[in-house]
Amino acid sequence: MAKAKDIPEGLTEAEFKLVRALRDRRHRQAEGAFLVQGRKLVEEVLQARWSVRFVVATAEGARTGVVPAHLLRIARAHHLERLGTFGSGTEWIAVVDRPGTAADGPLDPGELVMALDGVADPGNLGTIIRLADWFGMRRLWCSPGSVDPFNPKVVQASMGSLFRVAVIEASLPGRLERARLEGAAVYAADMAGASVFEAELVRPAVLVLGSESHGLSAAVRAGGHRLLRVPGRGGAESLNVAMAATALCMEFERRRQP
């Protein structure tokens, strides 16, 4: 039970407990909510019209007028730092409802979708969501067991792109086969693949990227998808998954240009 002295004066005990609980994946799933931290990201989630339960802010932050008054909970800066997950510099914390399941039909002509096979690092996932947004992708597939897209570190690393790109959990072997039968080309990043600069790249397409530690799973590899690699000349053993995704997506985009 929280001690009264630990609860910021602007929050009820239930709201205080909810913010603290949403640090944990199980509670985020059970509560159907997650945390958005920092002024820029809270402004973005409000602009995106996601369902916001309340926003904890300092009195100075509240004076901006960006947050509707009925959502505001005022707290001192040191309370916000203890409530948040980033230690210091937290001005605003929003409790936001997780979105419903996004529509996931056949790929549109020209569409490119990334599929992540067991990506576990929150920074990598957040960066890849941001990358997908940069290249105009509207959805991203993640295999079960991947890092939670609503993990605070993922939300932060996405820099607001999470509010524009639907992250859909999907059993990849079946989802990739369905995409192929619907007319999409399926490519998978693998060091044994053809150079992305020399391979034929067609759309609509799915680009599969494996986990940081183990690469593509056996089940995905068994699908017989076209393998692609980023060619290199140096001595590095491999690329970070987000770096590889960037290089591959850039080539897909370059080929698309007139």
Foldseek 3Di string as FASTA:
>chain_A
DDDPVLDFPQDDPVVLVLLQQQLDPVSCVVVQKFKDWDDQQVLLLVVLVFAWQAKEFAPVVVVVVSDPPVRYGHGDQVSQLVSDDPNHDTGMMIITGHDDADDDDADDWPAEEEEEAAAADLLLLLLVLLVCVVLPHAEYEYEPNHHDCRNNSSSVNVSSSPSRHHYHYDHPLVVVVVNVVVPEAEEEEDPPAAELVPDDDGPPYYYYWYYQPPTHDPSNVVSVHHYYYHDDDDDDPHDGRSVRSNVNVVSSVVVVDD
